[in-house]
């Protein structure tokens, strides 16, 4: 049996740790992408709501709250929907920045992992 030196064991452990970091980072990127897609769908729903509210003149408008509806003026509902859209767009911008940072960090870790594997000659 061939014995592995302590230095080689440390290099292998570092490579395994880097691999875990890369996998973790990629998982976080996927989570942010899912959140961004969800927010984009919500914005589309809000835009559809605004479009439908535009076709209503003097009819009563109701806002859903759980399983019930509350009578509200059309202007209030339009304002709330517009604020939701702005909030979602702001969140998307923030998530996109974090996502880009994680992608950069992940690429750096992948490069480090490749270098570690080359030094181990695996």
PDB file of N, CA and C in Angstrom:
ATOM      1  N   UNK A   1       0.827  -1.177   0.000  1.00  0.00           N
ATOM      2  CA  UNK A   1       0.000   0.000   0.000  1.00  0.00           C
ATOM      3  C   UNK A   1       0.875   1.246   0.000  1.00  0.00           C
ATOM      4  N   UNK A   2       0.431   2.166  -0.761  1.00  0.00           N
ATOM      5  CA  UNK A   2       1.167   3.424  -0.853  1.00  0.00           C
ATOM      6  C   UNK A   2       0.592   4.404   0.166  1.00  0.00           C
ATOM      7  N   UNK A   3       1.439   5.010   0.917  1.00  0.00           N
ATOM      8  CA  UNK A   3       0.992   5.945   1.937  1.00  0.00           C
ATOM      9  C   UNK A   3       0.913   7.343   1.343  1.00  0.00           C
ATOM     10  N   UNK A   4      -0.135   8.069   1.739  1.00  0.00           N
ATOM     11  CA  UNK A   4      -0.325   9.434   1.269  1.00  0.00           C
ATOM     12  C   UNK A   4       0.260  10.370   2.318  1.00  0.00           C
ATOM     13  N   UNK A   5       1.073  11.292   1.855  1.00  0.00           N
ATOM     14  CA  UNK A   5       1.695  12.232   2.785  1.00  0.00           C
ATOM     15  C   UNK A   5       0.655  13.201   3.351  1.00  0.00           C
ATOM     16  N   UNK A   6       0.993  13.794   4.459  1.00  0.00           N
ATOM     17  CA  UNK A   6       0.098  14.775   5.095  1.00  0.00           C
ATOM     18  C   UNK A   6      -0.187  15.943   4.167  1.00  0.00           C
ATOM     19  N   UNK A   7       0.827  16.364   3.442  1.00  0.00           N
ATOM     20  CA  UNK A   7       0.648  17.492   2.518  1.00  0.00           C
ATOM     21  C   UNK A   7      -0.362  17.139   1.437  1.00  0.00           C
ATOM     22  N   UNK A   8      -0.273  15.920   0.921  1.00  0.00           N
ATOM     23  CA  UNK A   8      -1.189  15.468  -0.123  1.00  0.00           C
ATOM     24  C   UNK A   8      -2.612  15.371   0.450  1.00  0.00           C
ATOM     25  N   UNK A   9      -2.729  14.887   1.693  1.00  0.00           N
ATOM     26  CA  UNK A   9      -4.040  14.816   2.336  1.00  0.00           C
ATOM     27  C   UNK A   9      -4.653  16.197   2.491  1.00  0.00           C
ATOM     28  N   UNK A  10      -3.848  17.181   2.885  1.00  0.00           N
ATOM     29  CA  UNK A  10      -4.329  18.552   3.029  1.00  0.00           C
ATOM     30  C   UNK A  10      -4.788  19.111   1.694  1.00  0.00           C
ATOM     31  N   UNK A  11      -4.042  18.815   0.624  1.00  0.00           N
ATOM     32  CA  UNK A  11      -4.427  19.290  -0.709  1.00  0.00           C
ATOM     33  C   UNK A  11      -5.745  18.657  -1.139  1.00  0.00           C
ATOM     34  N   UNK A  12      -5.905  17.385  -0.856  1.00  0.00           N
ATOM     35  CA  UNK A  12      -7.151  16.698  -1.216  1.00  0.00           C
ATOM     36  C   UNK A  12      -8.320  17.296  -0.430  1.00  0.00           C
ATOM     37  N   UNK A  13      -8.104  17.547   0.852  1.00  0.00           N
ATOM     38  CA  UNK A  13      -9.155  18.137   1.678  1.00  0.00           C
ATOM     39  C   UNK A  13      -9.536  19.532   1.183  1.00  0.00           C
ATOM     40  N   UNK A  14      -8.538  20.331   0.802  1.00  0.00           N
ATOM     41  CA  UNK A  14      -8.813  21.663   0.267  1.00  0.00           C
ATOM     42  C   UNK A  14      -9.603  21.572  -1.030  1.00  0.00           C
ATOM     43  N   UNK A  15      -9.251  20.620  -1.882  1.00  0.00           N
ATOM     44  CA  UNK A  15      -9.976  20.441  -3.142  1.00  0.00           C
ATOM     45  C   UNK A  15     -11.429  20.050  -2.869  1.00  0.00           C
ATOM     46  N   UNK A  16     -11.642  19.184  -1.901  1.00  0.00           N
ATOM     47  CA  UNK A  16     -13.009  18.782  -1.559  1.00  0.00           C
ATOM     48  C   UNK A  16     -13.802  19.946  -0.994  1.00  0.00           C
ATOM     49  N   UNK A  17     -13.167  20.765  -0.176  1.00  0.00           N
ATOM     50  CA  UNK A  17     -13.835  21.950   0.372  1.00  0.00           C
ATOM     51  C   UNK A  17     -14.200  22.935  -0.732  1.00  0.00           C
ATOM     52  N   UNK A  18     -13.280  23.120  -1.682  1.00  0.00           N
ATOM     53  CA  UNK A  18     -13.566  24.014  -2.808  1.00  0.00           C
ATOM     54  C   UNK A  18     -14.731  23.482  -3.632  1.00  0.00           C
ATOM     55  N   UNK A  19     -14.780  22.180  -3.815  1.00  0.00           N
ATOM     56  CA  UNK A  19     -15.875  21.587  -4.575  1.00  0.00           C
ATOM     57  C   UNK A  19     -17.211  21.829  -3.874  1.00  0.00           C
ATOM     58  N   UNK A  20     -17.242  21.686  -2.551  1.00  0.00           N
ATOM     59  CA  UNK A  20     -18.464  21.964  -1.785  1.00  0.00           C
ATOM     60  C   UNK A  20     -18.874  23.423  -1.929  1.00  0.00           C
ATOM     61  N   UNK A  21     -17.891  24.327  -1.890  1.00  0.00           N
ATOM     62  CA  UNK A  21     -18.185  25.753  -2.044  1.00  0.00           C
ATOM     63  C   UNK A  21     -18.775  26.054  -3.421  1.00  0.00           C
ATOM     64  N   UNK A  22     -18.210  25.432  -4.456  1.00  0.00           N
ATOM     65  CA  UNK A  22     -18.712  25.646  -5.822  1.00  0.00           C
ATOM     66  C   UNK A  22     -20.152  25.169  -5.923  1.00  0.00           C
ATOM     67  N   UNK A  23     -20.439  23.997  -5.398  1.00  0.00           N
ATOM     68  CA  UNK A  23     -21.797  23.448  -5.457  1.00  0.00           C
ATOM     69  C   UNK A  23     -22.765  24.325  -4.667  1.00  0.00           C
ATOM     70  N   UNK A  24     -22.334  24.786  -3.507  1.00  0.00           N
ATOM     71  CA  UNK A  24     -23.171  25.658  -2.683  1.00  0.00           C
ATOM     72  C   UNK A  24     -23.474  26.971  -3.401  1.00  0.00           C
ATOM     73  N   UNK A  25     -22.456  27.544  -4.008  1.00  0.00           N
ATOM     74  CA  UNK A  25     -22.628  28.815  -4.718  1.00  0.00           C
ATOM     75  C   UNK A  25     -23.585  28.651  -5.897  1.00  0.00           C
ATOM     76  N   UNK A  26     -23.442  27.559  -6.643  1.00  0.00           N
ATOM     77  CA  UNK A  26     -24.344  27.321  -7.773  1.00  0.00           C
ATOM     78  C   UNK A  26     -25.788  27.141  -7.298  1.00  0.00           C
ATOM     79  N   UNK A  27     -25.965  26.503  -6.144  1.00  0.00           N
ATOM     80  CA  UNK A  27     -27.314  26.352  -5.586  1.00  0.00           C
ATOM     81  C   UNK A  27     -27.922  27.695  -5.228  1.00  0.00           C
ATOM     82  N   UNK A  28     -27.116  28.583  -4.659  1.00  0.00           N
ATOM     83  CA  UNK A  28     -27.606  29.925  -4.306  1.00  0.00           C
ATOM     84  C   UNK A  28     -27.977  30.711  -5.559  1.00  0.00           C
ATOM     85  N   UNK A  29     -27.163  30.566  -6.621  1.00  0.00           N
ATOM     86  CA  UNK A  29     -27.463  31.251  -7.883  1.00  0.00           C
ATOM     87  C   UNK A  29     -28.811  30.778  -8.411  1.00  0.00           C
ATOM     88  N   UNK A  30     -29.060  29.479  -8.370  1.00  0.00           N
ATOM     89  CA  UNK A  30     -30.348  28.944  -8.843  1.00  0.00           C
ATOM     90  C   UNK A  30     -31.512  29.485  -8.010  1.00  0.00           C
ATOM     91  N   UNK A  31     -31.305  29.613  -6.700  1.00  0.00           N
ATOM     92  CA  UNK A  31     -32.366  30.154  -5.839  1.00  0.00           C
ATOM     93  C   UNK A  31     -32.683  31.598  -6.211  1.00  0.00           C
ATOM     94  N   UNK A  32     -31.649  32.396  -6.447  1.00  0.00           N
ATOM     95  CA  UNK A  32     -31.884  33.791  -6.833  1.00  0.00           C
ATOM     96  C   UNK A  32     -32.559  33.871  -8.199  1.00  0.00           C
ATOM     97  N   UNK A  33     -32.175  32.994  -9.131  1.00  0.00           N
ATOM     98  CA  UNK A  33     -32.824  32.990 -10.439  1.00  0.00           C
ATOM     99  C   UNK A  33     -34.302  32.649 -10.309  1.00  0.00           C
ATOM    100  N   UNK A  34     -34.623  31.689  -9.442  1.00  0.00           N
ATOM    101  CA  UNK A  34     -36.025  31.323  -9.220  1.00  0.00           C
ATOM    102  C   UNK A  34     -36.801  32.492  -8.613  1.00  0.00           C
ATOM    103  N   UNK A  35     -36.180  33.187  -7.674  1.00  0.00           N
ATOM    104  CA  UNK A  35     -36.837  34.347  -7.056  1.00  0.00           C
ATOM    105  C   UNK A  35     -37.065  35.451  -8.075  1.00  0.00           C
ATOM    106  N   UNK A  36     -36.079  35.692  -8.924  1.00  0.00           N
ATOM    107  CA  UNK A  36     -36.207  36.720  -9.960  1.00  0.00           C
ATOM    108  C   UNK A  36     -37.338  36.363 -10.915  1.00  0.00           C
ATOM    109  N   UNK A  37     -37.412  35.092 -11.326  1.00  0.00           N
ATOM    110  CA  UNK A  37     -38.486  34.668 -12.226  1.00  0.00           C
ATOM    111  C   UNK A  37     -39.853  34.810 -11.576  1.00  0.00           C
ATOM    112  N   UNK A  38     -39.945  34.505 -10.293  1.00  0.00           N
ATOM    113  CA  UNK A  38     -41.206  34.649  -9.571  1.00  0.00           C
ATOM    114  C   UNK A  38     -41.641  36.119  -9.527  1.00  0.00           C
ATOM    115  N   UNK A  39     -40.685  37.008  -9.244  1.00  0.00           N
ATOM    116  CA  UNK A  39     -41.009  38.437  -9.214  1.00  0.00           C
ATOM    117  C   UNK A  39     -41.437  38.940 -10.588  1.00  0.00           C
ATOM    118  N   UNK A  40     -40.801  38.449 -11.637  1.00  0.00           N
ATOM    119  CA  UNK A  40     -41.186  38.851 -13.001  1.00  0.00           C
ATOM    120  C   UNK A  40     -42.606  38.391 -13.326  1.00  0.00           C
ATOM    121  N   UNK A  41     -42.964  37.170 -12.880  1.00  0.00           N
ATOM    122  CA  UNK A  41     -44.339  36.696 -13.090  1.00  0.00           C
ATOM    123  C   UNK A  41     -45.334  37.573 -12.336  1.00  0.00           C
ATOM    124  N   UNK A  42     -44.972  37.972 -11.113  1.00  0.00           N
ATOM    125  CA  UNK A  42     -45.852  38.846 -10.343  1.00  0.00           C
ATOM    126  C   UNK A  42     -46.035  40.196 -11.024  1.00  0.00           C
ATOM    127  N   UNK A  43     -44.975  40.709 -11.632  1.00  0.00           N
ATOM    128  CA  UNK A  43     -45.077  41.974 -12.364  1.00  0.00           C
ATOM    129  C   UNK A  43     -46.021  41.807 -13.550  1.00  0.00           C
ATOM    130  N   UNK A  44     -45.929  40.674 -14.250  1.00  0.00           N
ATOM    131  CA  UNK A  44     -46.833  40.432 -15.368  1.00  0.00           C
ATOM    132  C   UNK A  44     -48.286  40.371 -14.897  1.00  0.00           C
ATOM    133  N   UNK A  45     -48.511  39.725 -13.761  1.00  0.00           N
ATOM    134  CA  UNK A  45     -49.873  39.665 -13.208  1.00  0.00           C
ATOM    135  C   UNK A  45     -50.379  41.067 -12.875  1.00  0.00           C
ATOM    136  N   UNK A  46     -49.509  41.880 -12.297  1.00  0.00           N
ATOM    137  CA  UNK A  46     -49.897  43.251 -11.957  1.00  0.00           C
ATOM    138  C   UNK A  46     -50.227  44.049 -13.214  1.00  0.00           C
ATOM    139  N   UNK A  47     -49.442  43.856 -14.266  1.00  0.00           N
ATOM    140  CA  UNK A  47     -49.709  44.562 -15.527  1.00  0.00           C
ATOM    141  C   UNK A  47     -51.038  44.130 -16.131  1.00  0.00           C
ATOM    142  N   UNK A  48     -51.363  42.856 -16.035  1.00  0.00           N
ATOM    143  CA  UNK A  48     -52.665  42.378 -16.517  1.00  0.00           C
ATOM    144  C   UNK A  48     -53.785  43.010 -15.692  1.00  0.00           C
ATOM    145  N   UNK A  49     -53.594  43.090 -14.387  1.00  0.00           N
ATOM    146  CA  UNK A  49     -54.590  43.720 -13.508  1.00  0.00           C
ATOM    147  C   UNK A  49     -54.797  45.181 -13.895  1.00  0.00           C
ATOM    148  N   UNK A  50     -53.701  45.899 -14.132  1.00  0.00           N
ATOM    149  CA  UNK A  50     -53.811  47.308 -14.539  1.00  0.00           C
ATOM    150  C   UNK A  50     -54.544  47.449 -15.876  1.00  0.00           C
ATOM    151  N   UNK A  51     -54.255  46.549 -16.789  1.00  0.00           N
ATOM    152  CA  UNK A  51     -54.916  46.588 -18.095  1.00  0.00           C
ATOM    153  C   UNK A  51     -56.420  46.395 -17.934  1.00  0.00           C
ATOM    154  N   UNK A  52     -56.801  45.440 -17.114  1.00  0.00           N
ATOM    155  CA  UNK A  52     -58.227  45.180 -16.887  1.00  0.00           C
ATOM    156  C   UNK A  52     -58.889  46.323 -16.123  1.00  0.00           C
ATOM    157  N   UNK A  53     -58.172  46.915 -15.183  1.00  0.00           N
ATOM    158  CA  UNK A  53     -58.728  48.053 -14.454  1.00  0.00           C
ATOM    159  C   UNK A  53     -58.916  49.259 -15.371  1.00  0.00           C
ATOM    160  N   UNK A  54     -58.103  49.353 -16.404  1.00  0.00           N
ATOM    161  CA  UNK A  54     -58.223  50.459 -17.354  1.00  0.00           C
ATOM    162  C   UNK A  54     -59.527  50.424 -18.129  1.00  0.00           C
ATOM    163  N   UNK A  55     -60.075  49.222 -18.304  1.00  0.00           N
ATOM    164  CA  UNK A  55     -61.320  49.110 -19.064  1.00  0.00           C
ATOM    165  C   UNK A  55     -62.566  49.342 -18.202  1.00  0.00           C
ATOM    166  N   UNK A  56     -62.383  49.500 -16.901  1.00  0.00           N
ATOM    167  CA  UNK A  56     -63.507  49.718 -15.987  1.00  0.00           C
ATOM    168  C   UNK A  56     -63.721  51.220 -15.809  1.00  0.00           C
ATOM    169  N   UNK A  57     -64.974  51.641 -15.920  1.00  0.00           N
ATOM    170  CA  UNK A  57     -65.265  53.062 -15.749  1.00  0.00           C
ATOM    171  C   UNK A  57     -65.778  53.345 -14.344  1.00  0.00           C
ATOM    172  N   UNK A  58     -67.062  53.298 -14.162  1.00  0.00           N
ATOM    173  CA  UNK A  58     -67.673  53.650 -12.879  1.00  0.00           C
ATOM    174  C   UNK A  58     -68.182  52.429 -12.124  1.00  0.00           C
ATOM    175  N   UNK A  59     -67.670  51.273 -12.432  1.00  0.00           N
ATOM    176  CA  UNK A  59     -68.126  50.064 -11.745  1.00  0.00           C
ATOM    177  C   UNK A  59     -67.480  49.969 -10.363  1.00  0.00           C
ATOM    178  N   UNK A  60     -68.106  49.188  -9.496  1.00  0.00           N
ATOM    179  CA  UNK A  60     -67.523  48.956  -8.181  1.00  0.00           C
ATOM    180  C   UNK A  60     -66.299  48.065  -8.353  1.00  0.00           C
ATOM    181  N   UNK A  61     -65.266  48.358  -7.584  1.00  0.00           N
ATOM    182  CA  UNK A  61     -64.063  47.535  -7.636  1.00  0.00           C
ATOM    183  C   UNK A  61     -63.800  46.948  -6.252  1.00  0.00           C
ATOM    184  N   UNK A  62     -63.358  45.718  -6.262  1.00  0.00           N
ATOM    185  CA  UNK A  62     -63.083  44.996  -5.025  1.00  0.00           C
ATOM    186  C   UNK A  62     -61.655  44.488  -5.042  1.00  0.00           C
ATOM    187  N   UNK A  63     -61.044  44.534  -3.880  1.00  0.00           N
ATOM    188  CA  UNK A  63     -59.682  44.011  -3.744  1.00  0.00           C
ATOM    189  C   UNK A  63     -59.762  42.701  -2.960  1.00  0.00           C
ATOM    190  N   UNK A  64     -59.129  41.633  -3.496  1.00  0.00           N
ATOM    191  CA  UNK A  64     -59.162  40.361  -2.756  1.00  0.00           C
ATOM    192  C   UNK A  64     -58.255  40.423  -1.528  1.00  0.00           C
ATOM    193  N   UNK A  65     -58.775  39.918  -0.405  1.00  0.00           N
ATOM    194  CA  UNK A  65     -58.002  39.802   0.827  1.00  0.00           C
ATOM    195  C   UNK A  65     -58.303  38.407   1.371  1.00  0.00           C
ATOM    196  N   UNK A  66     -57.383  37.490   1.173  1.00  0.00           N
ATOM    197  CA  UNK A  66     -57.624  36.114   1.587  1.00  0.00           C
ATOM    198  C   UNK A  66     -58.776  35.532   0.804  1.00  0.00           C
ATOM    199  N   UNK A  67     -59.824  35.131   1.523  1.00  0.00           N
ATOM    200  CA  UNK A  67     -60.995  34.546   0.859  1.00  0.00           C
ATOM    201  C   UNK A  67     -62.142  35.541   0.704  1.00  0.00           C
ATOM    202  N   UNK A  68     -61.911  36.781   1.063  1.00  0.00           N
ATOM    203  CA  UNK A  68     -62.979  37.774   0.949  1.00  0.00           C
ATOM    204  C   UNK A  68     -62.524  38.925   0.053  1.00  0.00           C
ATOM    205  N   UNK A  69     -63.434  39.819  -0.220  1.00  0.00           N
ATOM    206  CA  UNK A  69     -63.164  40.978  -1.073  1.00  0.00           C
ATOM    207  C   UNK A  69     -63.594  42.238  -0.347  1.00  0.00           C
ATOM    208  N   UNK A  70     -62.821  43.295  -0.542  1.00  0.00           N
ATOM    209  CA  UNK A  70     -63.115  44.573   0.101  1.00  0.00           C
ATOM    210  C   UNK A  70     -63.395  45.597  -0.992  1.00  0.00           C
ATOM    211  N   UNK A  71     -64.478  46.329  -0.826  1.00  0.00           N
ATOM    212  CA  UNK A  71     -64.831  47.381  -1.771  1.00  0.00           C
ATOM    213  C   UNK A  71     -63.839  48.530  -1.626  1.00  0.00           C
ATOM    214  N   UNK A  72     -63.169  48.879  -2.724  1.00  0.00           N
ATOM    215  CA  UNK A  72     -62.191  49.976  -2.711  1.00  0.00           C
ATOM    216  C   UNK A  72     -62.346  50.790  -3.985  1.00  0.00           C
ATOM    217  N   UNK A  73     -61.982  52.058  -3.898  1.00  0.00           N
ATOM    218  CA  UNK A  73     -61.999  52.876  -5.113  1.00  0.00           C
ATOM    219  C   UNK A  73     -60.948  52.366  -6.103  1.00  0.00           C
ATOM    220  N   UNK A  74     -61.270  52.518  -7.366  1.00  0.00           N
ATOM    221  CA  UNK A  74     -60.380  52.056  -8.427  1.00  0.00           C
ATOM    222  C   UNK A  74     -58.999  52.698  -8.308  1.00  0.00           C
ATOM    223  N   UNK A  75     -58.945  53.976  -7.988  1.00  0.00           N
ATOM    224  CA  UNK A  75     -57.663  54.696  -7.896  1.00  0.00           C
ATOM    225  C   UNK A  75     -56.758  54.091  -6.824  1.00  0.00           C
ATOM    226  N   UNK A  76     -57.344  53.688  -5.708  1.00  0.00           N
ATOM    227  CA  UNK A  76     -56.546  53.077  -4.640  1.00  0.00           C
ATOM    228  C   UNK A  76     -55.933  51.753  -5.090  1.00  0.00           C
ATOM    229  N   UNK A  77     -56.738  50.960  -5.769  1.00  0.00           N
ATOM    230  CA  UNK A  77     -56.245  49.661  -6.248  1.00  0.00           C
ATOM    231  C   UNK A  77     -55.136  49.869  -7.277  1.00  0.00           C
ATOM    232  N   UNK A  78     -55.327  50.827  -8.183  1.00  0.00           N
ATOM    233  CA  UNK A  78     -54.304  51.110  -9.205  1.00  0.00           C
ATOM    234  C   UNK A  78     -53.012  51.562  -8.532  1.00  0.00           C
ATOM    235  N   UNK A  79     -53.105  52.418  -7.539  1.00  0.00           N
ATOM    236  CA  UNK A  79     -51.907  52.885  -6.828  1.00  0.00           C
ATOM    237  C   UNK A  79     -51.176  51.731  -6.142  1.00  0.00           C
ATOM    238  N   UNK A  80     -51.928  50.841  -5.494  1.00  0.00           N
ATOM    239  CA  UNK A  80     -51.313  49.702  -4.815  1.00  0.00           C
ATOM    240  C   UNK A  80     -50.619  48.768  -5.815  1.00  0.00           C
ATOM    241  N   UNK A  81     -51.255  48.530  -6.939  1.00  0.00           N
ATOM    242  CA  UNK A  81     -50.661  47.656  -7.960  1.00  0.00           C
ATOM    243  C   UNK A  81     -49.392  48.292  -8.514  1.00  0.00           C
ATOM    244  N   UNK A  82     -49.432  49.603  -8.773  1.00  0.00           N
ATOM    245  CA  UNK A  82     -48.226  50.293  -9.263  1.00  0.00           C
ATOM    246  C   UNK A  82     -47.092  50.232  -8.247  1.00  0.00           C
ATOM    247  N   UNK A  83     -47.423  50.370  -6.966  1.00  0.00           N
ATOM    248  CA  UNK A  83     -46.391  50.280  -5.933  1.00  0.00           C
ATOM    249  C   UNK A  83     -45.818  48.866  -5.843  1.00  0.00           C
ATOM    250  N   UNK A  84     -46.676  47.859  -6.031  1.00  0.00           N
ATOM    251  CA  UNK A  84     -46.189  46.478  -6.059  1.00  0.00           C
ATOM    252  C   UNK A  84     -45.203  46.269  -7.205  1.00  0.00           C
ATOM    253  N   UNK A  85     -45.531  46.832  -8.357  1.00  0.00           N
ATOM    254  CA  UNK A  85     -44.647  46.701  -9.519  1.00  0.00           C
ATOM    255  C   UNK A  85     -43.295  47.347  -9.219  1.00  0.00           C
ATOM    256  N   UNK A  86     -43.311  48.559  -8.666  1.00  0.00           N
ATOM    257  CA  UNK A  86     -42.053  49.247  -8.338  1.00  0.00           C
ATOM    258  C   UNK A  86     -41.237  48.451  -7.320  1.00  0.00           C
ATOM    259  N   UNK A  87     -41.910  47.928  -6.323  1.00  0.00           N
ATOM    260  CA  UNK A  87     -41.231  47.146  -5.290  1.00  0.00           C
ATOM    261  C   UNK A  87     -40.586  45.892  -5.894  1.00  0.00           C
ATOM    262  N   UNK A  88     -41.333  45.195  -6.756  1.00  0.00           N
ATOM    263  CA  UNK A  88     -40.798  43.993  -7.392  1.00  0.00           C
ATOM    264  C   UNK A  88     -39.608  44.320  -8.296  1.00  0.00           C
ATOM    265  N   UNK A  89     -39.691  45.427  -9.030  1.00  0.00           N
ATOM    266  CA  UNK A  89     -38.583  45.813  -9.906  1.00  0.00           C
ATOM    267  C   UNK A  89     -37.335  46.138  -9.089  1.00  0.00           C
ATOM    268  N   UNK A  90     -37.527  46.801  -7.951  1.00  0.00           N
ATOM    269  CA  UNK A  90     -36.401  47.116  -7.062  1.00  0.00           C
ATOM    270  C   UNK A  90     -35.773  45.828  -6.529  1.00  0.00           C
ATOM    271  N   UNK A  91     -36.617  44.883  -6.105  1.00  0.00           N
ATOM    272  CA  UNK A  91     -36.123  43.598  -5.611  1.00  0.00           C
ATOM    273  C   UNK A  91     -35.367  42.832  -6.699  1.00  0.00           C
ATOM    274  N   UNK A  92     -35.882  42.877  -7.920  1.00  0.00           N
ATOM    275  CA  UNK A  92     -35.211  42.199  -9.035  1.00  0.00           C
ATOM    276  C   UNK A  92     -33.818  42.771  -9.233  1.00  0.00           C
ATOM    277  N   UNK A  93     -33.697  44.102  -9.194  1.00  0.00           N
ATOM    278  CA  UNK A  93     -32.378  44.732  -9.348  1.00  0.00           C
ATOM    279  C   UNK A  93     -31.411  44.265  -8.263  1.00  0.00           C
ATOM    280  N   UNK A  94     -31.888  44.239  -7.021  1.00  0.00           N
ATOM    281  CA  UNK A  94     -31.031  43.805  -5.910  1.00  0.00           C
ATOM    282  C   UNK A  94     -30.636  42.338  -6.068  1.00  0.00           C
ATOM    283  N   UNK A  95     -31.595  41.491  -6.406  1.00  0.00           N
ATOM    284  CA  UNK A  95     -31.321  40.065  -6.574  1.00  0.00           C
ATOM    285  C   UNK A  95     -30.345  39.837  -7.725  1.00  0.00           C
ATOM    286  N   UNK A  96     -30.498  40.614  -8.771  1.00  0.00           N
ATOM    287  CA  UNK A  96     -29.612  40.459  -9.937  1.00  0.00           C
ATOM    288  C   UNK A  96     -28.171  40.805  -9.558  1.00  0.00           C
ATOM    289  N   UNK A  97     -27.992  41.843  -8.742  1.00  0.00           N
ATOM    290  CA  UNK A  97     -26.644  42.215  -8.299  1.00  0.00           C
ATOM    291  C   UNK A  97     -26.020  41.085  -7.478  1.00  0.00           C
ATOM    292  N   UNK A  98     -26.803  40.535  -6.552  1.00  0.00           N
ATOM    293  CA  UNK A  98     -26.298  39.443  -5.719  1.00  0.00           C
ATOM    294  C   UNK A  98     -25.999  38.222  -6.578  1.00  0.00           C
ATOM    295  N   UNK A  99     -26.882  37.944  -7.528  1.00  0.00           N
ATOM    296  CA  UNK A  99     -26.691  36.798  -8.431  1.00  0.00           C
ATOM    297  C   UNK A  99     -25.396  36.942  -9.224  1.00  0.00           C
ATOM    298  N   UNK A 100     -25.152  38.131  -9.754  1.00  0.00           N
ATOM    299  CA  UNK A 100     -23.922  38.366 -10.515  1.00  0.00           C
ATOM    300  C   UNK A 100     -22.697  38.189  -9.629  1.00  0.00           C
ATOM    301  N   UNK A 101     -22.781  38.676  -8.392  1.00  0.00           N
ATOM    302  CA  UNK A 101     -21.662  38.515  -7.452  1.00  0.00           C
ATOM    303  C   UNK A 101     -21.410  37.032  -7.181  1.00  0.00           C
ATOM    304  N   UNK A 102     -22.477  36.265  -6.990  1.00  0.00           N
ATOM    305  CA  UNK A 102     -22.328  34.837  -6.730  1.00  0.00           C
ATOM    306  C   UNK A 102     -21.749  34.104  -7.938  1.00  0.00           C
ATOM    307  N   UNK A 103     -22.146  34.515  -9.136  1.00  0.00           N
ATOM    308  CA  UNK A 103     -21.603  33.899 -10.344  1.00  0.00           C
ATOM    309  C   UNK A 103     -20.106  34.151 -10.429  1.00  0.00           C
ATOM    310  N   UNK A 104     -19.696  35.388 -10.171  1.00  0.00           N
ATOM    311  CA  UNK A 104     -18.266  35.735 -10.195  1.00  0.00           C
ATOM    312  C   UNK A 104     -17.510  34.927  -9.149  1.00  0.00           C
ATOM    313  N   UNK A 105     -18.075  34.868  -7.943  1.00  0.00           N
ATOM    314  CA  UNK A 105     -17.452  34.114  -6.858  1.00  0.00           C
ATOM    315  C   UNK A 105     -17.351  32.631  -7.224  1.00  0.00           C
ATOM    316  N   UNK A 106     -18.395  32.098  -7.832  1.00  0.00           N
ATOM    317  CA  UNK A 106     -18.402  30.693  -8.241  1.00  0.00           C
ATOM    318  C   UNK A 106     -17.343  30.395  -9.289  1.00  0.00           C
ATOM    319  N   UNK A 107     -17.180  31.306 -10.251  1.00  0.00           N
ATOM    320  CA  UNK A 107     -16.163  31.109 -11.282  1.00  0.00           C
ATOM    321  C   UNK A 107     -14.759  31.131 -10.679  1.00  0.00           C
ATOM    322  N   UNK A 108     -14.544  32.026  -9.706  1.00  0.00           N
ATOM    323  CA  UNK A 108     -13.245  32.081  -9.038  1.00  0.00           C
ATOM    324  C   UNK A 108     -12.967  30.763  -8.308  1.00  0.00           C
ATOM    325  N   UNK A 109     -13.979  30.256  -7.622  1.00  0.00           N
ATOM    326  CA  UNK A 109     -13.811  28.995  -6.892  1.00  0.00           C
ATOM    327  C   UNK A 109     -13.584  27.828  -7.850  1.00  0.00           C
ATOM    328  N   UNK A 110     -14.271  27.836  -9.005  1.00  0.00           N
ATOM    329  CA  UNK A 110     -14.061  26.789 -10.002  1.00  0.00           C
ATOM    330  C   UNK A 110     -12.622  26.807 -10.510  1.00  0.00           C
ATOM    331  N   UNK A 111     -12.109  28.006 -10.746  1.00  0.00           N
ATOM    332  CA  UNK A 111     -10.723  28.146 -11.192  1.00  0.00           C
ATOM    333  C   UNK A 111      -9.765  27.617 -10.131  1.00  0.00           C
ATOM    334  N   UNK A 112     -10.019  27.970  -8.879  1.00  0.00           N
ATOM    335  CA  UNK A 112      -9.181  27.476  -7.781  1.00  0.00           C
ATOM    336  C   UNK A 112      -9.252  25.949  -7.690  1.00  0.00           C
ATOM    337  N   UNK A 113     -10.446  25.399  -7.896  1.00  0.00           N
ATOM    338  CA  UNK A 113     -10.622  23.952  -7.842  1.00  0.00           C
ATOM    339  C   UNK A 113      -9.850  23.277  -8.969  1.00  0.00           C
ATOM    340  N   UNK A 114      -9.917  23.849 -10.165  1.00  0.00           N
ATOM    341  CA  UNK A 114      -9.181  23.279 -11.290  1.00  0.00           C
ATOM    342  C   UNK A 114      -7.678  23.300 -11.033  1.00  0.00           C
ATOM    343  N   UNK A 115      -7.197  24.401 -10.463  1.00  0.00           N
ATOM    344  CA  UNK A 115      -5.786  24.494 -10.140  1.00  0.00           C
ATOM    345  C   UNK A 115      -5.390  23.468  -9.076  1.00  0.00           C
ATOM    346  N   UNK A 116      -6.268  23.289  -8.079  1.00  0.00           N
ATOM    347  CA  UNK A 116      -5.989  22.309  -7.037  1.00  0.00           C
ATOM    348  C   UNK A 116      -5.954  20.890  -7.613  1.00  0.00           C
ATOM    349  N   UNK A 117      -6.858  20.612  -8.530  1.00  0.00           N
ATOM    350  CA  UNK A 117      -6.887  19.278  -9.159  1.00  0.00           C
ATOM    351  C   UNK A 117      -5.639  19.055 -10.012  1.00  0.00           C
ATOM    352  N   UNK A 118      -5.193  20.093 -10.697  1.00  0.00           N
ATOM    353  CA  UNK A 118      -3.987  19.965 -11.506  1.00  0.00           C
ATOM    354  C   UNK A 118      -2.778  19.707 -10.615  1.00  0.00           C
ATOM    355  N   UNK A 119      -2.734  20.396  -9.483  1.00  0.00           N
ATOM    356  CA  UNK A 119      -1.588  20.201  -8.586  1.00  0.00           C
ATOM    357  C   UNK A 119      -1.602  18.795  -7.986  1.00  0.00           C
ATOM    358  N   UNK A 120      -2.793  18.202  -7.851  1.00  0.00           N
ATOM    359  CA  UNK A 120      -2.888  16.829  -7.349  1.00  0.00           C
ATOM    360  C   UNK A 120      -2.675  15.799  -8.461  1.00  0.00           C
ATOM    361  N   UNK A 121      -2.800  16.272  -9.712  1.00  0.00           N
ATOM    362  CA  UNK A 121      -2.671  15.398 -10.904  1.00  0.00           C
ATOM    363  C   UNK A 121      -3.713  14.296 -10.872  1.00  0.00           C
ATOM    364  N   UNK A 122      -4.970  14.726 -10.644  1.00  0.00           N
ATOM    365  CA  UNK A 122      -6.082  13.779 -10.639  1.00  0.00           C
ATOM    366  C   UNK A 122      -6.806  13.870 -11.963  1.00  0.00           C
TER     367      UNK A 122
END
